[in-house]
């Protein structure tokens, strides 16, 4: 069965999200994230919950094709994946486009409160995408290309 879904994507190319891993490494380093680093992810999620108006449920962690995900379920339908390895990414999936748009606006409000540098904040907010397709927008290939560009530029 094929079904369309809507999704919201934010890729933190300027690397300003508070939970993004700052040290280099791979899956091993992500799995060894300290308690303080994990706490930052959940603090960000709490801000998103308040802005979106729903309490999310943490449903676990997963590694797929060298990407490490922390996943959260929305009680009224949909789920969110957060990747903390640079470039950090947030991908939220919904059946209804209206919910995706509502989430995108909530994410932009949280970014306005979390990212203090106004120019960078505006760039991030304008990069929040709402799309509807049959496939995920952030494929491993796209993410890996961004990661490679980041490594070429240097830290």
N, C-alpha and C. Protein backbone atom coordinates (compact mmCIF):
# COMPACT_ATOMS: atom_id res chain seq x y z
N UNK A 1 0.84 -1.18 0.00
CA UNK A 1 0.00 0.00 0.00
C UNK A 1 0.89 1.24 0.00
N UNK A 2 0.63 2.15 -0.90
CA UNK A 2 1.36 3.41 -0.94
C UNK A 2 0.45 4.51 -0.43
N UNK A 3 1.00 5.37 0.38
CA UNK A 3 0.23 6.51 0.85
C UNK A 3 1.14 7.72 0.91
N UNK A 4 0.57 8.84 0.62
CA UNK A 4 1.32 10.09 0.73
C UNK A 4 1.37 10.49 2.19
N UNK A 5 2.44 11.12 2.54
CA UNK A 5 2.50 11.69 3.87
C UNK A 5 3.14 13.07 3.77
N UNK A 6 2.92 13.85 4.78
CA UNK A 6 3.51 15.18 4.84
C UNK A 6 4.60 15.15 5.89
N UNK A 7 5.60 15.96 5.66
CA UNK A 7 6.69 15.98 6.62
C UNK A 7 7.29 17.36 6.71
N UNK A 8 7.95 17.59 7.83
CA UNK A 8 8.62 18.84 8.12
C UNK A 8 10.09 18.51 8.32
N UNK A 9 10.96 19.27 7.69
CA UNK A 9 12.39 19.02 7.80
C UNK A 9 13.12 20.29 8.20
N UNK A 10 14.03 20.12 9.14
CA UNK A 10 14.97 21.18 9.50
C UNK A 10 16.35 20.54 9.54
N UNK A 11 17.28 21.09 8.77
CA UNK A 11 18.67 20.64 8.81
C UNK A 11 19.49 21.80 9.33
N UNK A 12 20.23 21.56 10.40
CA UNK A 12 20.98 22.61 11.09
C UNK A 12 22.37 22.79 10.48
N UNK A 13 22.42 23.36 9.29
CA UNK A 13 23.72 23.58 8.65
C UNK A 13 24.61 24.56 9.41
N UNK A 14 24.05 25.61 10.04
CA UNK A 14 24.93 26.50 10.81
C UNK A 14 25.37 25.92 12.17
N UNK A 15 24.82 24.75 12.52
CA UNK A 15 25.20 24.03 13.74
C UNK A 15 25.00 24.87 15.00
N UNK A 16 23.77 25.33 15.21
CA UNK A 16 23.47 26.16 16.37
C UNK A 16 22.44 25.54 17.31
N UNK A 17 21.85 24.41 16.93
CA UNK A 17 20.87 23.78 17.82
C UNK A 17 21.58 23.34 19.10
N UNK A 18 20.92 23.48 20.25
CA UNK A 18 21.59 23.24 21.52
C UNK A 18 21.94 21.78 21.79
N UNK A 19 21.38 20.85 21.05
CA UNK A 19 21.64 19.44 21.33
C UNK A 19 22.60 18.80 20.33
N UNK A 20 23.05 19.54 19.36
CA UNK A 20 23.91 18.96 18.33
C UNK A 20 25.26 18.58 18.93
N UNK A 21 25.73 17.40 18.55
CA UNK A 21 27.04 16.95 19.02
C UNK A 21 28.11 17.88 18.47
N UNK A 22 28.99 18.36 19.31
CA UNK A 22 30.04 19.26 18.86
C UNK A 22 31.33 18.52 18.54
N UNK A 23 31.49 17.33 19.10
CA UNK A 23 32.72 16.59 18.83
C UNK A 23 32.54 15.70 17.61
N UNK A 24 33.66 15.41 16.97
CA UNK A 24 33.62 14.53 15.81
C UNK A 24 33.44 13.10 16.28
N UNK A 25 32.92 12.32 15.40
CA UNK A 25 32.78 10.91 15.73
C UNK A 25 31.71 10.26 14.91
N UNK A 26 31.52 9.01 15.18
CA UNK A 26 30.51 8.25 14.46
C UNK A 26 29.46 7.73 15.41
N UNK A 27 28.90 6.60 15.04
CA UNK A 27 27.82 6.00 15.82
C UNK A 27 28.28 5.70 17.25
N UNK A 28 29.50 5.22 17.41
CA UNK A 28 30.00 4.88 18.76
C UNK A 28 29.94 6.11 19.68
N UNK A 29 30.39 7.26 19.17
CA UNK A 29 30.37 8.48 19.98
C UNK A 29 28.95 8.93 20.28
N UNK A 30 28.05 8.75 19.31
CA UNK A 30 26.65 9.13 19.55
C UNK A 30 26.05 8.24 20.64
N UNK A 31 26.33 6.96 20.56
CA UNK A 31 25.80 6.04 21.56
C UNK A 31 26.36 6.33 22.94
N UNK A 32 27.53 6.95 22.99
CA UNK A 32 28.17 7.26 24.26
C UNK A 32 27.91 8.70 24.71
N UNK A 33 26.89 9.34 24.12
CA UNK A 33 26.55 10.70 24.52
C UNK A 33 26.35 10.75 26.02
N UNK A 34 26.87 11.79 26.60
CA UNK A 34 26.73 11.93 28.03
C UNK A 34 25.31 12.28 28.45
N UNK A 35 25.05 12.12 29.73
CA UNK A 35 23.73 12.40 30.26
C UNK A 35 23.33 13.86 30.00
N UNK A 36 24.29 14.77 30.08
CA UNK A 36 24.01 16.19 29.84
C UNK A 36 23.60 16.43 28.38
N UNK A 37 24.27 15.75 27.44
CA UNK A 37 23.93 15.88 26.02
C UNK A 37 22.52 15.36 25.74
N UNK A 38 22.19 14.23 26.31
CA UNK A 38 20.86 13.64 26.11
C UNK A 38 19.81 14.55 26.73
N UNK A 39 20.13 15.14 27.88
CA UNK A 39 19.21 16.06 28.56
C UNK A 39 18.88 17.25 27.65
N UNK A 40 19.87 17.75 26.89
CA UNK A 40 19.65 18.88 25.98
C UNK A 40 18.65 18.52 24.88
N UNK A 41 18.72 17.28 24.39
CA UNK A 41 17.77 16.83 23.37
C UNK A 41 16.36 16.88 23.94
N UNK A 42 16.19 16.33 25.15
CA UNK A 42 14.86 16.26 25.74
C UNK A 42 14.35 17.65 26.16
N UNK A 43 15.24 18.55 26.55
CA UNK A 43 14.82 19.92 26.86
C UNK A 43 14.27 20.60 25.61
N UNK A 44 14.93 20.38 24.48
CA UNK A 44 14.45 20.94 23.21
C UNK A 44 13.09 20.34 22.85
N UNK A 45 12.93 19.05 23.07
CA UNK A 45 11.67 18.38 22.77
C UNK A 45 10.54 18.94 23.64
N UNK A 46 10.82 19.23 24.89
CA UNK A 46 9.81 19.81 25.78
C UNK A 46 9.35 21.17 25.24
N UNK A 47 10.28 21.97 24.76
CA UNK A 47 9.91 23.26 24.15
C UNK A 47 9.00 23.05 22.94
N UNK A 48 9.33 22.05 22.12
CA UNK A 48 8.50 21.72 20.96
C UNK A 48 7.12 21.25 21.38
N UNK A 49 7.06 20.43 22.43
CA UNK A 49 5.76 19.95 22.93
C UNK A 49 4.86 21.13 23.30
N UNK A 50 5.41 22.07 24.03
CA UNK A 50 4.62 23.23 24.47
C UNK A 50 4.16 24.06 23.28
N UNK A 51 5.06 24.29 22.33
CA UNK A 51 4.71 25.11 21.17
C UNK A 51 3.70 24.40 20.27
N UNK A 52 3.78 23.08 20.17
CA UNK A 52 2.90 22.30 19.30
C UNK A 52 1.58 21.96 19.99
N UNK A 53 1.60 21.95 21.33
CA UNK A 53 0.38 21.68 22.08
C UNK A 53 0.08 20.20 22.28
N UNK A 54 1.11 19.36 22.19
CA UNK A 54 0.94 17.92 22.42
C UNK A 54 2.14 17.41 23.21
N UNK A 55 1.90 16.44 24.06
CA UNK A 55 2.99 15.80 24.79
C UNK A 55 3.46 14.59 23.98
N UNK A 56 4.74 14.59 23.59
CA UNK A 56 5.29 13.53 22.76
C UNK A 56 5.69 12.34 23.64
N UNK A 57 5.75 11.17 23.04
CA UNK A 57 6.24 9.97 23.72
C UNK A 57 7.55 9.55 23.07
N UNK A 58 8.58 9.39 23.90
CA UNK A 58 9.86 8.90 23.39
C UNK A 58 9.69 7.42 23.09
N UNK A 59 9.99 7.02 21.84
CA UNK A 59 9.77 5.62 21.47
C UNK A 59 11.06 4.88 21.15
N UNK A 60 12.20 5.53 21.38
CA UNK A 60 13.45 4.79 21.27
C UNK A 60 14.45 5.40 20.31
N UNK A 61 15.53 4.66 20.17
CA UNK A 61 16.66 5.06 19.34
C UNK A 61 16.90 3.99 18.30
N UNK A 62 17.47 4.40 17.18
CA UNK A 62 17.70 3.45 16.10
C UNK A 62 18.87 3.90 15.26
N UNK A 63 19.57 2.95 14.65
CA UNK A 63 20.64 3.24 13.71
C UNK A 63 20.25 2.59 12.40
N UNK A 64 20.13 3.43 11.36
CA UNK A 64 19.81 2.93 10.03
C UNK A 64 20.76 3.61 9.05
N UNK A 65 21.50 2.80 8.30
CA UNK A 65 22.42 3.32 7.27
C UNK A 65 23.31 4.43 7.82
N UNK A 66 23.94 4.18 8.94
CA UNK A 66 24.88 5.10 9.60
C UNK A 66 24.24 6.37 10.14
N UNK A 67 22.92 6.44 10.18
CA UNK A 67 22.24 7.58 10.79
C UNK A 67 21.64 7.11 12.12
N UNK A 68 21.84 7.91 13.14
CA UNK A 68 21.32 7.60 14.47
C UNK A 68 20.11 8.48 14.74
N UNK A 69 19.00 7.85 15.06
CA UNK A 69 17.74 8.55 15.29
C UNK A 69 17.28 8.41 16.72
N UNK A 70 16.71 9.49 17.26
CA UNK A 70 15.90 9.43 18.47
C UNK A 70 14.50 9.72 17.99
N UNK A 71 13.53 8.87 18.33
CA UNK A 71 12.18 9.01 17.77
C UNK A 71 11.17 9.33 18.87
N UNK A 72 10.19 10.14 18.46
CA UNK A 72 9.12 10.56 19.36
C UNK A 72 7.80 10.42 18.62
N UNK A 73 6.80 9.91 19.32
CA UNK A 73 5.47 9.69 18.75
C UNK A 73 4.54 10.82 19.19
N UNK A 74 3.72 11.31 18.26
CA UNK A 74 2.73 12.34 18.57
C UNK A 74 1.41 11.64 18.89
N UNK A 75 0.75 12.00 19.97
CA UNK A 75 -0.49 11.31 20.36
C UNK A 75 -1.64 11.46 19.37
N UNK A 76 -1.64 12.53 18.60
CA UNK A 76 -2.73 12.74 17.64
C UNK A 76 -2.33 12.33 16.22
N UNK A 77 -1.26 11.54 16.11
CA UNK A 77 -0.82 11.03 14.82
C UNK A 77 0.47 11.66 14.35
N UNK A 78 1.39 10.81 13.95
CA UNK A 78 2.67 11.25 13.42
C UNK A 78 3.81 10.92 14.36
N UNK A 79 5.02 11.16 13.88
CA UNK A 79 6.20 10.95 14.71
C UNK A 79 7.32 11.87 14.24
N UNK A 80 8.33 12.02 15.11
CA UNK A 80 9.47 12.89 14.84
C UNK A 80 10.75 12.11 15.05
N UNK A 81 11.71 12.38 14.17
CA UNK A 81 13.05 11.81 14.30
C UNK A 81 14.03 12.96 14.50
N UNK A 82 14.96 12.77 15.43
CA UNK A 82 16.00 13.77 15.66
C UNK A 82 17.34 13.09 15.49
N UNK A 83 18.18 13.69 14.65
CA UNK A 83 19.55 13.24 14.47
C UNK A 83 20.45 14.29 15.10
N UNK A 84 21.38 13.88 15.98
CA UNK A 84 22.22 14.84 16.68
C UNK A 84 23.60 14.97 16.08
N UNK A 85 23.99 14.06 15.22
CA UNK A 85 25.30 14.16 14.59
C UNK A 85 25.27 15.28 13.55
N UNK A 86 26.29 16.14 13.51
CA UNK A 86 26.30 17.24 12.55
C UNK A 86 26.24 16.75 11.10
N UNK A 87 25.44 17.38 10.26
CA UNK A 87 24.49 18.43 10.63
C UNK A 87 23.25 17.81 11.28
N UNK A 88 22.89 18.32 12.44
CA UNK A 88 21.71 17.81 13.14
C UNK A 88 20.48 18.03 12.26
N UNK A 89 19.49 17.17 12.45
CA UNK A 89 18.29 17.27 11.64
C UNK A 89 17.07 16.87 12.46
N UNK A 90 15.96 17.50 12.14
CA UNK A 90 14.66 17.15 12.72
C UNK A 90 13.74 16.85 11.55
N UNK A 91 13.14 15.67 11.57
CA UNK A 91 12.20 15.29 10.54
C UNK A 91 10.93 14.81 11.23
N UNK A 92 9.81 15.47 10.97
CA UNK A 92 8.53 15.10 11.57
C UNK A 92 7.58 14.66 10.46
N UNK A 93 6.92 13.51 10.67
CA UNK A 93 6.05 12.90 9.67
C UNK A 93 4.60 12.94 10.13
N UNK A 94 3.71 13.28 9.18
CA UNK A 94 2.29 13.38 9.47
C UNK A 94 1.48 12.84 8.30
N UNK A 95 0.25 12.44 8.57
CA UNK A 95 -0.67 12.06 7.50
C UNK A 95 -1.31 13.32 6.91
N UNK A 96 -1.69 14.26 7.78
CA UNK A 96 -2.38 15.47 7.32
C UNK A 96 -1.40 16.63 7.17
N UNK A 97 -1.50 17.32 6.06
CA UNK A 97 -0.65 18.48 5.78
C UNK A 97 -0.89 19.60 6.80
N UNK A 98 -2.12 19.72 7.31
CA UNK A 98 -2.42 20.77 8.28
C UNK A 98 -1.60 20.59 9.55
N UNK A 99 -1.46 19.35 9.99
CA UNK A 99 -0.65 19.08 11.19
C UNK A 99 0.83 19.38 10.92
N UNK A 100 1.28 19.06 9.73
CA UNK A 100 2.67 19.35 9.37
C UNK A 100 2.92 20.86 9.40
N UNK A 101 1.99 21.62 8.86
CA UNK A 101 2.12 23.08 8.87
C UNK A 101 2.11 23.63 10.30
N UNK A 102 1.24 23.07 11.13
CA UNK A 102 1.18 23.49 12.54
C UNK A 102 2.50 23.19 13.25
N UNK A 103 3.07 22.02 12.97
CA UNK A 103 4.35 21.65 13.59
C UNK A 103 5.46 22.58 13.10
N UNK A 104 5.47 22.90 11.80
CA UNK A 104 6.49 23.79 11.26
C UNK A 104 6.46 25.15 11.96
N UNK A 105 5.25 25.66 12.19
CA UNK A 105 5.13 26.95 12.88
C UNK A 105 5.61 26.84 14.33
N UNK A 106 5.30 25.73 14.98
CA UNK A 106 5.77 25.52 16.35
C UNK A 106 7.30 25.44 16.38
N UNK A 107 7.87 24.74 15.43
CA UNK A 107 9.33 24.62 15.35
C UNK A 107 9.97 25.99 15.14
N UNK A 108 9.39 26.80 14.31
CA UNK A 108 9.92 28.15 14.08
C UNK A 108 9.85 29.00 15.35
N UNK A 109 8.78 28.85 16.12
CA UNK A 109 8.67 29.60 17.40
C UNK A 109 9.76 29.15 18.37
N UNK A 110 10.02 27.85 18.42
CA UNK A 110 11.07 27.34 19.31
C UNK A 110 12.43 27.84 18.85
N UNK A 111 12.68 27.83 17.56
CA UNK A 111 13.95 28.33 17.05
C UNK A 111 14.15 29.80 17.43
N UNK A 112 13.09 30.59 17.36
CA UNK A 112 13.17 32.01 17.72
C UNK A 112 13.57 32.19 19.18
N UNK A 113 13.18 31.24 20.04
CA UNK A 113 13.53 31.33 21.46
C UNK A 113 14.89 30.73 21.78
N UNK A 114 15.35 29.80 20.96
CA UNK A 114 16.58 29.06 21.28
C UNK A 114 17.81 29.64 20.59
N UNK A 115 17.67 30.07 19.35
CA UNK A 115 18.80 30.58 18.58
C UNK A 115 18.86 32.09 18.77
N UNK A 116 19.87 32.55 19.46
CA UNK A 116 19.96 33.96 19.85
C UNK A 116 20.41 34.87 18.71
N UNK A 117 21.27 34.41 17.84
CA UNK A 117 21.76 35.22 16.71
C UNK A 117 20.64 35.34 15.68
N UNK A 118 20.11 36.54 15.53
CA UNK A 118 18.91 36.77 14.71
C UNK A 118 19.08 36.36 13.25
N UNK A 119 20.22 36.68 12.65
CA UNK A 119 20.42 36.33 11.24
C UNK A 119 20.41 34.83 11.05
N UNK A 120 21.13 34.12 11.90
CA UNK A 120 21.18 32.65 11.83
C UNK A 120 19.80 32.08 12.11
N UNK A 121 19.11 32.63 13.07
CA UNK A 121 17.76 32.18 13.41
C UNK A 121 16.83 32.33 12.21
N UNK A 122 16.88 33.47 11.55
CA UNK A 122 16.03 33.69 10.38
C UNK A 122 16.36 32.74 9.24
N UNK A 123 17.64 32.45 9.06
CA UNK A 123 18.06 31.48 8.04
C UNK A 123 17.48 30.11 8.37
N UNK A 124 17.61 29.69 9.63
CA UNK A 124 17.08 28.39 10.03
C UNK A 124 15.57 28.33 9.87
N UNK A 125 14.89 29.38 10.33
CA UNK A 125 13.43 29.40 10.22
C UNK A 125 12.98 29.33 8.77
N UNK A 126 13.69 30.00 7.88
CA UNK A 126 13.30 29.97 6.47
C UNK A 126 13.64 28.64 5.81
N UNK A 127 14.50 27.86 6.45
CA UNK A 127 14.85 26.55 5.88
C UNK A 127 13.90 25.43 6.31
N UNK A 128 12.99 25.73 7.24
CA UNK A 128 12.01 24.72 7.66
C UNK A 128 11.08 24.45 6.49
N UNK A 129 11.08 23.20 6.04
CA UNK A 129 10.30 22.82 4.87
C UNK A 129 9.12 21.95 5.25
N UNK A 130 7.98 22.20 4.61
CA UNK A 130 6.81 21.33 4.72
C UNK A 130 6.58 20.76 3.33
N UNK A 131 6.58 19.43 3.22
CA UNK A 131 6.42 18.79 1.92
C UNK A 131 5.48 17.60 2.03
N UNK A 132 4.99 17.19 0.88
CA UNK A 132 4.18 15.98 0.79
C UNK A 132 4.72 15.17 -0.37
N UNK A 133 5.13 13.95 -0.06
CA UNK A 133 5.69 13.06 -1.07
C UNK A 133 5.46 11.62 -0.67
N UNK A 134 5.89 10.74 -1.53
CA UNK A 134 5.82 9.31 -1.24
C UNK A 134 7.09 8.81 -0.57
N UNK A 135 8.15 9.60 -0.60
CA UNK A 135 9.40 9.15 -0.01
C UNK A 135 9.94 10.20 0.94
N UNK A 136 10.88 9.80 1.79
CA UNK A 136 11.48 10.72 2.75
C UNK A 136 12.31 11.76 2.03
N UNK A 137 12.26 12.99 2.53
CA UNK A 137 13.02 14.06 1.94
C UNK A 137 14.51 13.96 2.28
N UNK A 138 14.84 13.52 3.45
CA UNK A 138 16.24 13.45 3.86
C UNK A 138 16.72 12.02 3.70
N UNK A 139 17.16 11.70 2.52
CA UNK A 139 17.68 10.37 2.26
C UNK A 139 19.08 10.27 2.84
N UNK A 140 19.57 9.07 2.99
CA UNK A 140 20.93 8.89 3.48
C UNK A 140 21.91 9.58 2.54
N UNK A 141 21.68 9.48 1.24
CA UNK A 141 22.59 10.09 0.27
C UNK A 141 22.67 11.60 0.47
N UNK A 142 21.52 12.26 0.63
CA UNK A 142 21.52 13.71 0.82
C UNK A 142 22.21 14.09 2.12
N UNK A 143 21.91 13.37 3.19
CA UNK A 143 22.50 13.67 4.49
C UNK A 143 24.01 13.47 4.44
N UNK A 144 24.46 12.39 3.81
CA UNK A 144 25.88 12.09 3.72
C UNK A 144 26.61 13.16 2.91
N UNK A 145 25.98 13.66 1.83
CA UNK A 145 26.58 14.72 1.05
C UNK A 145 26.77 15.97 1.89
N UNK A 146 25.78 16.32 2.70
CA UNK A 146 25.89 17.49 3.57
C UNK A 146 26.98 17.28 4.62
N UNK A 147 27.07 16.08 5.14
CA UNK A 147 28.08 15.77 6.13
C UNK A 147 29.47 15.90 5.50
N UNK A 148 29.64 15.41 4.28
CA UNK A 148 30.93 15.49 3.60
C UNK A 148 31.30 16.94 3.31
N UNK A 149 30.35 17.76 2.91
CA UNK A 149 30.62 19.19 2.66
C UNK A 149 31.07 19.84 3.96
N UNK A 150 30.39 19.52 5.05
CA UNK A 150 30.75 20.06 6.36
C UNK A 150 32.19 19.71 6.73
N UNK A 151 32.58 18.46 6.47
CA UNK A 151 33.93 18.01 6.80
C UNK A 151 34.96 18.69 5.91
N UNK A 152 34.62 18.97 4.65
CA UNK A 152 35.55 19.66 3.75
C UNK A 152 35.78 21.09 4.20
N UNK A 153 34.73 21.74 4.71
CA UNK A 153 34.84 23.12 5.16
C UNK A 153 35.66 23.19 6.44
N UNK A 154 35.54 22.16 7.26
CA UNK A 154 36.28 22.12 8.51
C UNK A 154 35.44 22.59 9.67
N UNK A 155 35.88 22.27 10.85
CA UNK A 155 35.13 22.62 12.07
C UNK A 155 35.64 23.89 12.67
